[in-house]
């Protein structure tokens, strides 16, 4: 049964495991959002 499952998984995997290729339309906006989201965690880490 495990052999069958492994064979099914291998058959359904893509031939190449290269991830998606995309680019952000606005890199600066993405950076601002990431900084805004991580700011509370950084602040908390500094206070510990």
C-alpha atoms as a PDB file:
ATOM      1  CA  UNK A   1       0.000   0.000   0.000  1.00  0.00           C
ATOM      2  CA  UNK A   2       2.812   2.436   0.883  1.00  0.00           C
ATOM      3  CA  UNK A   3       4.602   1.576  -2.346  1.00  0.00           C
ATOM      4  CA  UNK A   4       1.446   2.391  -4.319  1.00  0.00           C
ATOM      5  CA  UNK A   5       1.082   5.722  -2.544  1.00  0.00           C
ATOM      6  CA  UNK A   6       4.709   6.640  -3.201  1.00  0.00           C
ATOM      7  CA  UNK A   7       4.353   5.679  -6.869  1.00  0.00           C
ATOM      8  CA  UNK A   8       1.218   7.831  -7.191  1.00  0.00           C
ATOM      9  CA  UNK A   9       2.982  10.803  -5.627  1.00  0.00           C
ATOM     10  CA  UNK A  10       5.966  10.474  -7.937  1.00  0.00           C
ATOM     11  CA  UNK A  11       3.719  10.224 -10.988  1.00  0.00           C
ATOM     12  CA  UNK A  12       1.800  13.381 -10.048  1.00  0.00           C
ATOM     13  CA  UNK A  13       4.866  15.507  -9.307  1.00  0.00           C
ATOM     14  CA  UNK A  14       6.020  17.804 -12.099  1.00  0.00           C
ATOM     15  CA  UNK A  15       9.112  16.748 -13.966  1.00  0.00           C
ATOM     16  CA  UNK A  16      10.858  19.901 -12.820  1.00  0.00           C
ATOM     17  CA  UNK A  17      10.638  21.227  -9.283  1.00  0.00           C
ATOM     18  CA  UNK A  18      11.481  24.794 -10.268  1.00  0.00           C
ATOM     19  CA  UNK A  19       9.167  27.124  -8.397  1.00  0.00           C
ATOM     20  CA  UNK A  20       6.944  29.762  -9.901  1.00  0.00           C
ATOM     21  CA  UNK A  21       8.564  32.702 -11.574  1.00  0.00           C
ATOM     22  CA  UNK A  22       6.949  36.042 -10.938  1.00  0.00           C
ATOM     23  CA  UNK A  23       7.895  39.572 -10.073  1.00  0.00           C
ATOM     24  CA  UNK A  24       6.247  42.111  -7.840  1.00  0.00           C
ATOM     25  CA  UNK A  25       4.637  45.001  -9.649  1.00  0.00           C
ATOM     26  CA  UNK A  26       5.571  47.364  -6.815  1.00  0.00           C
ATOM     27  CA  UNK A  27       8.525  46.135  -4.778  1.00  0.00           C
ATOM     28  CA  UNK A  28       8.538  49.232  -2.561  1.00  0.00           C
ATOM     29  CA  UNK A  29       4.924  48.680  -1.511  1.00  0.00           C
ATOM     30  CA  UNK A  30       5.689  45.050  -0.660  1.00  0.00           C
ATOM     31  CA  UNK A  31       8.651  46.137   1.460  1.00  0.00           C
ATOM     32  CA  UNK A  32       6.535  48.708   3.322  1.00  0.00           C
ATOM     33  CA  UNK A  33       3.868  46.110   4.038  1.00  0.00           C
ATOM     34  CA  UNK A  34       6.434  43.590   5.260  1.00  0.00           C
ATOM     35  CA  UNK A  35       8.033  46.180   7.537  1.00  0.00           C
ATOM     36  CA  UNK A  36       4.644  47.217   8.933  1.00  0.00           C
ATOM     37  CA  UNK A  37       3.700  43.606   9.664  1.00  0.00           C
ATOM     38  CA  UNK A  38       7.028  42.709  11.293  1.00  0.00           C
ATOM     39  CA  UNK A  39       7.421  45.923  13.326  1.00  0.00           C
ATOM     40  CA  UNK A  40       5.495  44.656  16.396  1.00  0.00           C
ATOM     41  CA  UNK A  41       7.549  41.454  16.509  1.00  0.00           C
ATOM     42  CA  UNK A  42      10.800  43.391  16.224  1.00  0.00           C
ATOM     43  CA  UNK A  43       9.719  45.730  18.996  1.00  0.00           C
ATOM     44  CA  UNK A  44       8.807  42.814  21.215  1.00  0.00           C
ATOM     45  CA  UNK A  45      12.123  41.084  20.510  1.00  0.00           C
ATOM     46  CA  UNK A  46      14.047  44.204  21.528  1.00  0.00           C
ATOM     47  CA  UNK A  47      12.175  44.465  24.827  1.00  0.00           C
ATOM     48  CA  UNK A  48      12.940  40.891  25.903  1.00  0.00           C
END
